[in-house]
Amino acid sequence: MTARNDFEVLTELLPPRSGSGLAVDWAAVEQAWGLEFPSDYKSLIAHYGDVLIGEYLGVIPPSIVTPATCDEVGAKRGGMGFITADTRDTWVDTEPTEIDAEPEELVTWGAASCADLFCWLTRGEPDEWPVLVFSHGDDVWTQYDFGMVEFLVRVLNAQPGVELMEETPLWGDRNPSYANSAERRRVRGK
């Protein structure tokens, strides 16, 4: 599948709601990180924001706080920079040998309620970055040689190539619940 077709499939599974997306200053974010982010991630953020899918997988919004700046005075706590810093520490602690990567090449785009981590291996062109998943329960890293949106579509459709996700609530859920942080706050406020 192409990134565009994958995104169209995702919008059929998760029809975007008006006002759900986030406006991002991509130039500032990409300058802070020193890299360009994949177009499917940019589209997902623009249409869904920091979406929580199936009460399981939260997509992390971008920020100008990076792993290099997350400990600076005044840095907003949480977010992509902090989670990526933790992911890189986890990479070093688990010493995966089956995947050729350096910790600095990982950027975390998602986290699961069970502490699983979803990352990119930031090598090559951004739209070709593979997805890496850290399974917290067994301390195993798995590489998927396709992008984030294709990964999500495959999981939601229970397609081959992502069987590691079979035990998650998203596996084959063609109609998962989803909401961004603003929508979740509104529901809690009622």
Protein backbone atom coordinates (compact mmCIF):
# COMPACT_ATOMS: atom_id res chain seq x y z
CA MET A 1 0.00 0.00 0.00
CA THR A 2 1.09 3.56 -0.53
CA ALA A 3 1.03 6.10 2.28
CA ARG A 4 -1.91 7.89 0.64
CA ASN A 5 -3.96 4.72 0.23
CA ASP A 6 -3.14 3.67 3.78
CA PHE A 7 -4.31 7.01 5.09
CA GLU A 8 -7.56 6.74 3.11
CA VAL A 9 -8.14 3.29 4.61
CA LEU A 10 -7.42 4.65 8.09
CA THR A 11 -9.95 7.47 7.62
CA GLU A 12 -12.55 4.86 6.63
CA LEU A 13 -11.83 2.91 9.82
CA LEU A 14 -11.58 6.06 11.97
CA PRO A 15 -13.59 8.84 10.31
CA PRO A 16 -11.95 12.12 11.42
CA ARG A 17 -14.16 14.41 13.45
CA SER A 18 -14.25 18.13 12.82
CA GLY A 19 -11.78 20.00 14.99
CA SER A 20 -9.89 16.89 16.11
CA GLY A 21 -6.60 17.69 14.43
CA LEU A 22 -3.71 19.69 15.79
CA ALA A 23 -2.08 22.63 14.08
CA VAL A 24 1.67 22.12 14.25
CA ASP A 25 4.52 24.44 13.37
CA TRP A 26 6.34 21.70 11.50
CA ALA A 27 9.25 23.97 10.57
CA ALA A 28 9.97 24.65 14.26
CA VAL A 29 9.49 21.00 15.27
CA GLU A 30 11.70 19.71 12.47
CA GLN A 31 14.37 22.31 13.17
CA ALA A 32 14.40 21.33 16.86
CA TRP A 33 14.68 17.62 16.06
CA GLY A 34 17.04 18.09 13.12
CA LEU A 35 14.93 15.83 10.91
CA GLU A 36 11.84 15.84 8.75
CA PHE A 37 8.87 13.80 9.98
CA PRO A 38 6.98 11.31 7.77
CA SER A 39 4.04 12.65 5.77
CA ASP A 40 1.65 9.97 7.09
CA TYR A 41 2.37 11.11 10.67
CA LYS A 42 1.81 14.74 9.70
CA SER A 43 -1.52 13.80 8.12
CA LEU A 44 -2.58 11.77 11.14
CA ILE A 45 -1.77 14.64 13.52
CA ALA A 46 -3.57 17.13 11.24
CA HIS A 47 -6.74 14.99 11.16
CA TYR A 48 -6.79 13.32 14.61
CA GLY A 49 -4.35 15.14 16.89
CA ASP A 50 -2.91 13.23 19.82
CA VAL A 51 -5.35 10.40 19.34
CA LEU A 52 -5.86 7.47 21.71
CA ILE A 53 -7.02 4.48 19.68
CA GLY A 54 -9.05 1.75 21.34
CA GLU A 55 -8.09 2.96 24.83
CA TYR A 56 -4.78 1.24 24.05
CA LEU A 57 -2.43 3.11 21.69
CA GLY A 58 -1.78 6.81 22.10
CA VAL A 59 -0.18 8.69 19.22
CA ILE A 60 2.24 11.25 20.62
CA PRO A 61 2.06 14.77 19.18
CA PRO A 62 5.29 16.43 18.07
CA SER A 63 6.94 19.16 20.08
CA ILE A 64 10.07 21.26 19.99
CA VAL A 65 11.23 19.53 23.19
CA THR A 66 13.67 16.81 22.13
CA PRO A 67 15.61 14.17 24.08
CA ALA A 68 18.54 16.63 24.06
CA THR A 69 16.46 19.47 25.55
CA CYS A 70 13.92 17.67 27.77
CA ASP A 71 16.01 18.19 30.92
CA GLU A 72 16.49 21.91 30.35
CA VAL A 73 14.91 24.34 32.79
CA GLY A 74 11.47 25.35 31.55
CA ALA A 75 11.04 22.39 29.18
CA LYS A 76 7.40 21.30 29.15
CA ARG A 77 7.23 17.90 30.84
CA GLY A 78 6.06 14.81 29.00
CA GLY A 79 5.60 14.46 25.29
CA MET A 80 7.67 13.15 22.44
CA GLY A 81 11.06 14.37 23.70
CA PHE A 82 10.73 12.73 27.11
CA ILE A 83 9.24 9.48 25.82
CA THR A 84 11.89 9.24 23.12
CA ALA A 85 14.61 9.76 25.76
CA ASP A 86 13.08 6.92 27.80
CA THR A 87 12.81 4.75 24.68
CA ARG A 88 16.48 5.29 23.89
CA ASP A 89 17.39 4.30 27.45
CA THR A 90 15.23 1.19 27.08
CA TRP A 91 17.05 0.36 23.83
CA VAL A 92 20.40 0.55 25.62
CA ASP A 93 19.12 -1.45 28.61
CA THR A 94 17.67 -4.26 26.48
CA GLU A 95 20.63 -4.42 24.08
CA PRO A 96 18.73 -5.72 21.04
CA THR A 97 21.07 -7.58 18.72
CA GLU A 98 18.67 -8.50 15.92
CA ILE A 99 18.15 -4.88 14.80
CA ASP A 100 21.02 -2.72 13.58
CA ALA A 101 20.35 0.70 15.07
CA GLU A 102 21.78 3.25 17.43
CA PRO A 103 19.63 4.70 20.24
CA GLU A 104 19.87 8.19 18.69
CA GLU A 105 18.11 6.88 15.56
CA LEU A 106 14.89 6.13 17.48
CA VAL A 107 11.99 8.56 17.75
CA THR A 108 8.87 7.45 19.60
CA TRP A 109 5.51 8.19 17.97
CA GLY A 110 3.24 6.09 20.18
CA ALA A 111 2.87 4.40 23.54
CA ALA A 112 0.46 1.72 24.69
CA SER A 113 -1.42 1.40 27.95
CA CYS A 114 0.68 -1.70 28.69
CA ALA A 115 3.95 0.30 28.29
CA ASP A 116 4.73 -0.99 24.79
CA LEU A 117 6.54 1.61 22.68
CA PHE A 118 6.09 2.44 18.99
CA CYS A 119 8.99 4.16 17.25
CA TRP A 120 10.59 5.00 13.97
CA LEU A 121 14.08 4.02 12.97
CA THR A 122 15.04 7.39 11.47
CA ARG A 123 17.25 6.15 8.69
CA GLY A 124 16.81 7.17 5.06
CA GLU A 125 13.84 9.09 3.73
CA PRO A 126 11.19 9.85 6.39
CA ASP A 127 8.35 8.24 4.40
CA GLU A 128 10.40 5.04 4.35
CA TRP A 129 11.24 4.88 8.07
CA PRO A 130 10.40 1.46 9.48
CA VAL A 131 8.37 1.05 12.65
CA LEU A 132 10.01 -0.50 15.70
CA VAL A 133 7.84 -1.90 18.48
CA PHE A 134 9.11 -2.61 21.97
CA SER A 135 7.01 -5.27 23.71
CA HIS A 136 7.35 -4.42 27.39
CA GLY A 137 6.09 -7.80 28.60
CA ASP A 138 8.97 -9.74 27.08
CA ASP A 139 11.52 -6.94 26.46
CA VAL A 140 11.63 -7.67 22.72
CA TRP A 141 12.04 -5.23 19.84
CA THR A 142 10.43 -5.99 16.47
CA GLN A 143 11.02 -4.13 13.22
CA TYR A 144 8.32 -3.62 10.59
CA ASP A 145 9.53 -2.40 7.23
CA PHE A 146 6.60 -0.06 6.56
CA GLY A 147 5.35 3.23 7.94
CA MET A 148 3.21 4.15 10.91
CA VAL A 149 -0.17 4.46 9.17
CA GLU A 150 0.32 1.22 7.24
CA PHE A 151 1.22 -0.43 10.55
CA LEU A 152 -2.01 0.85 12.15
CA VAL A 153 -4.13 -0.22 9.17
CA ARG A 154 -2.60 -3.70 9.20
CA VAL A 155 -3.28 -4.09 12.92
CA LEU A 156 -6.87 -2.84 12.71
CA ASN A 157 -7.53 -5.13 9.74
CA ALA A 158 -5.70 -8.11 11.33
CA GLN A 159 -3.48 -8.39 8.26
CA PRO A 160 -0.36 -10.52 7.94
CA GLY A 161 2.96 -9.06 8.97
CA VAL A 162 1.97 -7.62 12.36
CA GLU A 163 1.01 -10.79 14.24
CA LEU A 164 2.91 -9.53 17.28
CA MET A 165 -0.13 -7.30 17.83
CA GLU A 166 -2.64 -10.21 17.93
CA GLU A 167 -2.94 -10.06 21.72
CA THR A 168 -3.72 -6.33 21.77
CA PRO A 169 -7.20 -4.78 21.87
CA LEU A 170 -6.62 -3.25 18.42
CA TRP A 171 -6.09 -6.53 16.58
CA GLY A 172 -8.85 -6.78 13.99
CA ASP A 173 -10.89 -3.99 15.59
CA ARG A 174 -12.31 -2.35 12.48
CA ASN A 175 -14.34 0.07 14.60
CA PRO A 176 -12.18 1.08 17.58
CA SER A 177 -13.00 3.93 19.87
CA TYR A 178 -10.75 6.93 19.44
CA ALA A 179 -10.44 10.42 20.86
CA ASN A 180 -7.80 13.08 21.20
CA SER A 181 -6.88 14.65 24.55
CA ALA A 182 -9.32 17.57 24.15
CA GLU A 183 -12.21 15.16 23.45
CA ARG A 184 -11.23 13.01 26.46
CA ARG A 185 -11.13 16.11 28.72
CA ARG A 186 -14.62 17.13 27.54
CA VAL A 187 -15.99 13.67 28.32
CA ARG A 188 -14.39 13.64 31.79
CA GLY A 189 -15.76 17.13 32.46
CA LYS A 190 -19.35 16.03 31.87
